Amino acid sequence: MQIKRKFFHRLTLPAISKKIMNLKDELEIRVNKIWDILQLAKESFYYSYYLHKPHSVEELNYINSSNHFAFIKMSLWKVSVIELSKLFNKTESQDKFNLNKLLVNLKSDGHFRSLKLSSPKLADWEKRLAKNRETIKQIIDLRDKVYSHTDKNNNHIIDSDITFEKTEKLIKLCEEIIQVIFIEIFDADAKMNLVYFDESFKEIPKILAQEENRRKEKIIEDYKRYSR
């Protein structure tokens, strides 16, 4: 009787290296996608943050009285919420953007286990994300119950305790996670600098508020002068 022998494919060192490289390429694509989402969320957030909480009462009064700024600040906050929600969305279609899923994949028994990211770091990130669970829930609730509705006639309102301070804390944590992954796995320094938002933007509402105050003062002065 003829015996059929089974041949098992043995990975050689070059093949193992190639497999690891393929995993690194796959991870890099996923991390870059998350980076792009986080960058847009961060830029939009800081514009909206300043327009909601500028340096002075005069600026705040001007911003609140301007239909232009009112629209801009709410639109940018909406963008920030929608983008951040992608990082914690549990739907299968956006699973590749999910930060929690990425951390699971990087564990010692996960898809990217051969890339050997520090287990203590992963445990620390999961613990800190868990502490931000309520903020994450509120962001997703805002996206689902308010910002996902496109019917202008519907007035969907949600009571939310979410604050800019809590949202900023979550953004910084997400940023730290991505930076460390780049450093430890890709041996690359990654700083998520703000590309558009800077201190010069804060001068715009400041100058406009000053001009508005001068205009009002002139009207009052003219009125007093001509009413004598």
C-alpha atoms as a PDB file:
ATOM      1  CA  MET A   1       0.000   0.000   0.000  1.00  0.00           C
ATOM      2  CA  GLN A   2       1.322   3.389  -0.972  1.00  0.00           C
ATOM      3  CA  ILE A   3       1.413   5.901   1.858  1.00  0.00           C
ATOM      4  CA  LYS A   4       0.720   9.522   0.998  1.00  0.00           C
ATOM      5  CA  ARG A   5       3.016  11.814   2.913  1.00  0.00           C
ATOM      6  CA  LYS A   6       1.880  15.199   4.058  1.00  0.00           C
ATOM      7  CA  PHE A   7       4.312  18.026   3.618  1.00  0.00           C
ATOM      8  CA  PHE A   8       4.018  20.938   6.003  1.00  0.00           C
ATOM      9  CA  HIS A   9       5.161  24.350   4.875  1.00  0.00           C
ATOM     10  CA  ARG A  10       7.904  25.613   7.145  1.00  0.00           C
ATOM     11  CA  LEU A  11       8.406  29.372   7.279  1.00  0.00           C
ATOM     12  CA  THR A  12      12.025  30.303   6.686  1.00  0.00           C
ATOM     13  CA  LEU A  13      13.490  33.383   8.342  1.00  0.00           C
ATOM     14  CA  PRO A  14      13.038  35.529   5.208  1.00  0.00           C
ATOM     15  CA  ALA A  15       9.405  34.370   5.000  1.00  0.00           C
ATOM     16  CA  ILE A  16       8.820  35.222   8.657  1.00  0.00           C
ATOM     17  CA  SER A  17      10.363  38.641   8.131  1.00  0.00           C
ATOM     18  CA  LYS A  18       8.152  39.194   5.101  1.00  0.00           C
ATOM     19  CA  LYS A  19       5.075  38.221   7.114  1.00  0.00           C
ATOM     20  CA  ILE A  20       6.033  40.673   9.865  1.00  0.00           C
ATOM     21  CA  MET A  21       6.618  43.394   7.275  1.00  0.00           C
ATOM     22  CA  ASN A  22       3.184  42.735   5.796  1.00  0.00           C
ATOM     23  CA  LEU A  23       1.661  43.056   9.250  1.00  0.00           C
ATOM     24  CA  LYS A  24       3.545  46.313   9.797  1.00  0.00           C
ATOM     25  CA  ASP A  25       2.228  47.630   6.493  1.00  0.00           C
ATOM     26  CA  GLU A  26      -1.298  46.606   7.472  1.00  0.00           C
ATOM     27  CA  LEU A  27      -0.948  48.238  10.877  1.00  0.00           C
ATOM     28  CA  GLU A  28       0.510  51.392   9.366  1.00  0.00           C
ATOM     29  CA  ILE A  29      -2.515  51.742   7.068  1.00  0.00           C
ATOM     30  CA  ARG A  30      -4.889  51.374  10.023  1.00  0.00           C
ATOM     31  CA  VAL A  31      -2.961  53.746  12.259  1.00  0.00           C
ATOM     32  CA  ASN A  32      -2.722  56.358   9.502  1.00  0.00           C
ATOM     33  CA  LYS A  33      -6.500  56.170   9.017  1.00  0.00           C
ATOM     34  CA  ILE A  34      -6.996  56.731  12.737  1.00  0.00           C
ATOM     35  CA  TRP A  35      -4.418  59.549  12.631  1.00  0.00           C
ATOM     36  CA  ASP A  36      -6.365  61.332   9.853  1.00  0.00           C
ATOM     37  CA  ILE A  37      -9.633  61.038  11.789  1.00  0.00           C
ATOM     38  CA  LEU A  38      -8.029  62.259  15.010  1.00  0.00           C
ATOM     39  CA  GLN A  39      -6.288  65.150  13.258  1.00  0.00           C
ATOM     40  CA  LEU A  40      -9.578  66.446  11.830  1.00  0.00           C
ATOM     41  CA  ALA A  41     -11.309  65.976  15.194  1.00  0.00           C
ATOM     42  CA  LYS A  42      -8.520  67.860  16.971  1.00  0.00           C
ATOM     43  CA  GLU A  43      -8.398  70.801  14.550  1.00  0.00           C
ATOM     44  CA  SER A  44     -12.195  71.201  14.607  1.00  0.00           C
ATOM     45  CA  PHE A  45     -12.260  70.843  18.377  1.00  0.00           C
ATOM     46  CA  TYR A  46      -9.828  73.683  19.120  1.00  0.00           C
ATOM     47  CA  TYR A  47     -11.564  76.107  16.765  1.00  0.00           C
ATOM     48  CA  SER A  48     -14.912  75.311  18.375  1.00  0.00           C
ATOM     49  CA  TYR A  49     -13.446  75.342  21.889  1.00  0.00           C
ATOM     50  CA  TYR A  50     -12.148  78.884  21.486  1.00  0.00           C
ATOM     51  CA  LEU A  51     -15.350  80.142  19.881  1.00  0.00           C
ATOM     52  CA  HIS A  52     -17.327  78.732  22.824  1.00  0.00           C
ATOM     53  CA  LYS A  53     -14.842  79.923  25.451  1.00  0.00           C
ATOM     54  CA  PRO A  54     -12.838  82.922  24.200  1.00  0.00           C
ATOM     55  CA  HIS A  55     -10.531  85.036  26.364  1.00  0.00           C
ATOM     56  CA  SER A  56     -12.931  87.860  27.103  1.00  0.00           C
ATOM     57  CA  VAL A  57     -16.613  88.549  27.753  1.00  0.00           C
ATOM     58  CA  GLU A  58     -16.581  91.076  24.893  1.00  0.00           C
ATOM     59  CA  GLU A  59     -15.436  88.396  22.450  1.00  0.00           C
ATOM     60  CA  LEU A  60     -18.038  85.946  23.752  1.00  0.00           C
ATOM     61  CA  ASN A  61     -20.813  88.521  23.386  1.00  0.00           C
ATOM     62  CA  TYR A  62     -19.719  89.305  19.840  1.00  0.00           C
ATOM     63  CA  ILE A  63     -19.472  85.612  18.859  1.00  0.00           C
ATOM     64  CA  ASN A  64     -22.892  84.844  20.348  1.00  0.00           C
ATOM     65  CA  SER A  65     -24.459  87.783  18.522  1.00  0.00           C
ATOM     66  CA  SER A  66     -22.956  86.773  15.170  1.00  0.00           C
ATOM     67  CA  ASN A  67     -24.887  84.286  13.035  1.00  0.00           C
ATOM     68  CA  HIS A  68     -21.657  83.536  11.179  1.00  0.00           C
ATOM     69  CA  PHE A  69     -19.662  82.587  14.271  1.00  0.00           C
ATOM     70  CA  ALA A  70     -22.618  80.768  15.836  1.00  0.00           C
ATOM     71  CA  PHE A  71     -22.867  78.568  12.749  1.00  0.00           C
ATOM     72  CA  ILE A  72     -19.105  78.021  12.524  1.00  0.00           C
ATOM     73  CA  LYS A  73     -18.630  77.053  16.175  1.00  0.00           C
ATOM     74  CA  MET A  74     -21.522  74.565  16.152  1.00  0.00           C
ATOM     75  CA  SER A  75     -20.503  73.089  12.802  1.00  0.00           C
ATOM     76  CA  LEU A  76     -16.928  72.517  13.938  1.00  0.00           C
ATOM     77  CA  TRP A  77     -18.071  70.981  17.240  1.00  0.00           C
ATOM     78  CA  LYS A  78     -20.314  68.683  15.215  1.00  0.00           C
ATOM     79  CA  VAL A  79     -17.365  67.651  13.011  1.00  0.00           C
ATOM     80  CA  SER A  80     -15.265  66.944  16.089  1.00  0.00           C
ATOM     81  CA  VAL A  81     -17.978  64.753  17.662  1.00  0.00           C
ATOM     82  CA  ILE A  82     -18.618  62.825  14.435  1.00  0.00           C
ATOM     83  CA  GLU A  83     -14.901  62.172  13.849  1.00  0.00           C
ATOM     84  CA  LEU A  84     -14.219  61.132  17.455  1.00  0.00           C
ATOM     85  CA  SER A  85     -17.199  58.780  17.416  1.00  0.00           C
ATOM     86  CA  LYS A  86     -15.590  56.903  14.517  1.00  0.00           C
ATOM     87  CA  LEU A  87     -12.731  55.895  16.804  1.00  0.00           C
ATOM     88  CA  PHE A  88     -15.123  54.203  19.232  1.00  0.00           C
ATOM     89  CA  ASN A  89     -17.892  53.115  16.877  1.00  0.00           C
ATOM     90  CA  LYS A  90     -18.905  49.474  17.298  1.00  0.00           C
ATOM     91  CA  THR A  91     -20.450  49.035  13.842  1.00  0.00           C
ATOM     92  CA  GLU A  92     -18.714  46.505  11.633  1.00  0.00           C
ATOM     93  CA  SER A  93     -18.396  48.919   8.711  1.00  0.00           C
ATOM     94  CA  GLN A  94     -16.067  51.190  10.716  1.00  0.00           C
ATOM     95  CA  ASP A  95     -14.398  48.496  12.780  1.00  0.00           C
ATOM     96  CA  LYS A  96     -10.996  49.261  11.260  1.00  0.00           C
ATOM     97  CA  PHE A  97     -11.098  52.730  12.808  1.00  0.00           C
ATOM     98  CA  ASN A  98     -12.024  51.470  16.295  1.00  0.00           C
ATOM     99  CA  LEU A  99      -9.269  52.306  18.760  1.00  0.00           C
ATOM    100  CA  ASN A 100     -10.333  49.682  21.304  1.00  0.00           C
ATOM    101  CA  LYS A 101     -10.307  47.013  18.579  1.00  0.00           C
ATOM    102  CA  LEU A 102      -6.814  48.125  17.556  1.00  0.00           C
ATOM    103  CA  LEU A 103      -5.556  47.686  21.115  1.00  0.00           C
ATOM    104  CA  VAL A 104      -7.083  44.183  21.253  1.00  0.00           C
ATOM    105  CA  ASN A 105      -5.328  43.343  17.962  1.00  0.00           C
ATOM    106  CA  LEU A 106      -2.002  44.517  19.440  1.00  0.00           C
ATOM    107  CA  LYS A 107      -2.208  42.225  22.479  1.00  0.00           C
ATOM    108  CA  SER A 108      -0.018  39.144  22.896  1.00  0.00           C
ATOM    109  CA  ASP A 109      -2.798  36.944  21.455  1.00  0.00           C
ATOM    110  CA  GLY A 110      -4.044  39.446  18.885  1.00  0.00           C
ATOM    111  CA  HIS A 111      -3.665  39.848  15.118  1.00  0.00           C
ATOM    112  CA  PHE A 112      -0.558  42.045  15.463  1.00  0.00           C
ATOM    113  CA  ARG A 113       0.990  40.066  18.330  1.00  0.00           C
ATOM    114  CA  SER A 114       4.236  39.434  16.420  1.00  0.00           C
ATOM    115  CA  LEU A 115       4.926  43.182  16.428  1.00  0.00           C
ATOM    116  CA  LYS A 116       5.307  42.913  20.215  1.00  0.00           C
ATOM    117  CA  LEU A 117       3.919  46.160  21.567  1.00  0.00           C
ATOM    118  CA  SER A 118       4.467  46.586  25.304  1.00  0.00           C
ATOM    119  CA  SER A 119       1.758  44.733  27.263  1.00  0.00           C
ATOM    120  CA  PRO A 120       1.928  47.110  30.278  1.00  0.00           C
ATOM    121  CA  LYS A 121       1.307  50.055  27.939  1.00  0.00           C
ATOM    122  CA  LEU A 122      -1.696  48.341  26.385  1.00  0.00           C
ATOM    123  CA  ALA A 123      -3.113  47.582  29.833  1.00  0.00           C
ATOM    124  CA  ASP A 124      -2.584  51.194  30.924  1.00  0.00           C
ATOM    125  CA  TRP A 125      -4.321  52.583  27.808  1.00  0.00           C
ATOM    126  CA  GLU A 126      -7.293  50.275  28.257  1.00  0.00           C
ATOM    127  CA  LYS A 127      -7.577  51.339  31.899  1.00  0.00           C
ATOM    128  CA  ARG A 128      -7.465  55.034  30.998  1.00  0.00           C
ATOM    129  CA  LEU A 129      -9.946  54.622  28.151  1.00  0.00           C
ATOM    130  CA  ALA A 130     -12.264  52.879  30.599  1.00  0.00           C
ATOM    131  CA  LYS A 131     -12.055  55.960  32.844  1.00  0.00           C
ATOM    132  CA  ASN A 132     -13.210  58.003  29.834  1.00  0.00           C
ATOM    133  CA  ARG A 133     -16.078  55.611  29.111  1.00  0.00           C
ATOM    134  CA  GLU A 134     -18.773  58.151  30.048  1.00  0.00           C
ATOM    135  CA  THR A 135     -17.267  60.837  27.787  1.00  0.00           C
ATOM    136  CA  ILE A 136     -17.082  58.331  24.929  1.00  0.00           C
ATOM    137  CA  LYS A 137     -20.716  57.323  25.507  1.00  0.00           C
ATOM    138  CA  GLN A 138     -21.824  60.961  25.456  1.00  0.00           C
ATOM    139  CA  ILE A 139     -19.950  61.596  22.206  1.00  0.00           C
ATOM    140  CA  ILE A 140     -21.580  58.594  20.540  1.00  0.00           C
ATOM    141  CA  ASP A 141     -24.990  59.591  21.926  1.00  0.00           C
ATOM    142  CA  LEU A 142     -24.576  63.090  20.477  1.00  0.00           C
ATOM    143  CA  ARG A 143     -23.644  61.609  17.115  1.00  0.00           C
ATOM    144  CA  ASP A 144     -26.529  59.110  17.126  1.00  0.00           C
ATOM    145  CA  LYS A 145     -29.317  61.200  18.639  1.00  0.00           C
ATOM    146  CA  VAL A 146     -28.508  64.676  17.355  1.00  0.00           C
ATOM    147  CA  TYR A 147     -25.940  64.957  14.596  1.00  0.00           C
ATOM    148  CA  SER A 148     -26.963  61.919  12.544  1.00  0.00           C
ATOM    149  CA  HIS A 149     -30.326  63.550  11.742  1.00  0.00           C
ATOM    150  CA  THR A 150     -30.387  65.529   8.516  1.00  0.00           C
ATOM    151  CA  ASP A 151     -34.019  66.635   8.600  1.00  0.00           C
ATOM    152  CA  LYS A 152     -33.862  70.372   9.314  1.00  0.00           C
ATOM    153  CA  ASN A 153     -37.435  70.360  10.588  1.00  0.00           C
ATOM    154  CA  ASN A 154     -36.606  67.922  13.370  1.00  0.00           C
ATOM    155  CA  ASN A 155     -35.326  69.462  16.541  1.00  0.00           C
ATOM    156  CA  HIS A 156     -33.403  66.632  18.188  1.00  0.00           C
ATOM    157  CA  ILE A 157     -32.048  67.745  21.537  1.00  0.00           C
ATOM    158  CA  ILE A 158     -30.024  65.729  24.009  1.00  0.00           C
ATOM    159  CA  ASP A 159     -29.093  66.603  27.559  1.00  0.00           C
ATOM    160  CA  SER A 160     -25.358  66.015  27.757  1.00  0.00           C
ATOM    161  CA  ASP A 161     -22.847  66.644  30.511  1.00  0.00           C
ATOM    162  CA  ILE A 162     -19.956  66.462  28.077  1.00  0.00           C
ATOM    163  CA  THR A 163     -17.469  69.308  28.447  1.00  0.00           C
ATOM    164  CA  PHE A 164     -14.655  70.643  26.324  1.00  0.00           C
ATOM    165  CA  GLU A 165     -12.213  69.769  29.101  1.00  0.00           C
ATOM    166  CA  LYS A 166     -13.292  66.109  29.119  1.00  0.00           C
ATOM    167  CA  THR A 167     -13.211  65.947  25.327  1.00  0.00           C
ATOM    168  CA  GLU A 168      -9.734  67.485  25.219  1.00  0.00           C
ATOM    169  CA  LYS A 169      -8.530  64.897  27.747  1.00  0.00           C
ATOM    170  CA  LEU A 170      -9.850  62.087  25.513  1.00  0.00           C
ATOM    171  CA  ILE A 171      -8.232  63.579  22.396  1.00  0.00           C
ATOM    172  CA  LYS A 172      -4.864  63.809  24.157  1.00  0.00           C
ATOM    173  CA  LEU A 173      -5.101  60.170  25.268  1.00  0.00           C
ATOM    174  CA  CYS A 174      -5.892  59.002  21.730  1.00  0.00           C
ATOM    175  CA  GLU A 175      -2.998  61.089  20.446  1.00  0.00           C
ATOM    176  CA  GLU A 176      -0.617  59.552  22.974  1.00  0.00           C
ATOM    177  CA  ILE A 177      -1.644  56.030  21.921  1.00  0.00           C
ATOM    178  CA  ILE A 178      -0.965  56.730  18.246  1.00  0.00           C
ATOM    179  CA  GLN A 179       2.356  58.447  18.990  1.00  0.00           C
ATOM    180  CA  VAL A 180       3.671  55.559  21.085  1.00  0.00           C
ATOM    181  CA  ILE A 181       2.633  53.010  18.428  1.00  0.00           C
ATOM    182  CA  PHE A 182       4.607  54.971  15.841  1.00  0.00           C
ATOM    183  CA  ILE A 183       7.652  55.188  18.118  1.00  0.00           C
ATOM    184  CA  GLU A 184       7.692  51.568  19.319  1.00  0.00           C
ATOM    185  CA  ILE A 185       6.663  49.735  16.143  1.00  0.00           C
ATOM    186  CA  PHE A 186       7.692  52.024  13.294  1.00  0.00           C
ATOM    187  CA  ASP A 187      10.637  53.680  15.062  1.00  0.00           C
ATOM    188  CA  ALA A 188       9.290  57.046  13.965  1.00  0.00           C
ATOM    189  CA  ASP A 189       8.605  60.168  15.953  1.00  0.00           C
ATOM    190  CA  ALA A 190       5.035  61.319  15.430  1.00  0.00           C
ATOM    191  CA  LYS A 191       3.731  64.655  16.648  1.00  0.00           C
ATOM    192  CA  MET A 192       0.172  65.604  15.863  1.00  0.00           C
ATOM    193  CA  ASN A 193       0.737  69.318  15.476  1.00  0.00           C
ATOM    194  CA  LEU A 194      -2.176  71.587  14.699  1.00  0.00           C
ATOM    195  CA  VAL A 195      -1.948  72.462  11.022  1.00  0.00           C
ATOM    196  CA  TYR A 196      -4.550  75.234  10.844  1.00  0.00           C
ATOM    197  CA  PHE A 197      -5.530  76.374  14.321  1.00  0.00           C
ATOM    198  CA  ASP A 198      -3.042  78.698  16.004  1.00  0.00           C
ATOM    199  CA  GLU A 199      -2.919  81.797  18.188  1.00  0.00           C
ATOM    200  CA  SER A 200      -3.499  84.102  15.215  1.00  0.00           C
ATOM    201  CA  PHE A 201      -7.078  82.810  14.887  1.00  0.00           C
ATOM    202  CA  LYS A 202      -7.878  84.158  18.357  1.00  0.00           C
ATOM    203  CA  GLU A 203      -7.111  87.662  17.106  1.00  0.00           C
ATOM    204  CA  ILE A 204     -10.041  87.555  14.674  1.00  0.00           C
ATOM    205  CA  PRO A 205     -12.949  87.604  17.177  1.00  0.00           C
ATOM    206  CA  LYS A 206     -10.885  89.880  19.422  1.00  0.00           C
ATOM    207  CA  ILE A 207     -10.431  92.529  16.702  1.00  0.00           C
ATOM    208  CA  LEU A 208     -14.030  92.218  15.530  1.00  0.00           C
ATOM    209  CA  ALA A 209     -15.325  92.576  19.094  1.00  0.00           C
ATOM    210  CA  GLN A 210     -13.178  95.685  19.630  1.00  0.00           C
ATOM    211  CA  GLU A 211     -14.423  97.203  16.381  1.00  0.00           C
ATOM    212  CA  GLU A 212     -18.024  96.430  17.340  1.00  0.00           C
ATOM    213  CA  ASN A 213     -17.549  98.099  20.722  1.00  0.00           C
ATOM    214  CA  ARG A 214     -15.995 101.176  19.089  1.00  0.00           C
ATOM    215  CA  ARG A 215     -18.896 101.357  16.646  1.00  0.00           C
ATOM    216  CA  LYS A 216     -21.434 101.226  19.486  1.00  0.00           C
ATOM    217  CA  GLU A 217     -19.534 103.842  21.497  1.00  0.00           C
ATOM    218  CA  LYS A 218     -19.469 106.150  18.482  1.00  0.00           C
ATOM    219  CA  ILE A 219     -23.221 105.756  18.013  1.00  0.00           C
ATOM    220  CA  ILE A 220     -23.787 106.649  21.670  1.00  0.00           C
ATOM    221  CA  GLU A 221     -21.420 109.627  21.464  1.00  0.00           C
ATOM    222  CA  ASP A 222     -23.068 110.872  18.253  1.00  0.00           C
ATOM    223  CA  TYR A 223     -26.488 110.506  19.831  1.00  0.00           C
ATOM    224  CA  LYS A 224     -25.438 112.487  22.906  1.00  0.00           C
ATOM    225  CA  ARG A 225     -23.836 115.201  20.773  1.00  0.00           C
ATOM    226  CA  TYR A 226     -26.797 115.675  18.452  1.00  0.00           C
ATOM    227  CA  SER A 227     -29.404 115.418  21.203  1.00  0.00           C
ATOM    228  CA  ARG A 228     -28.110 118.441  23.098  1.00  0.00           C
END
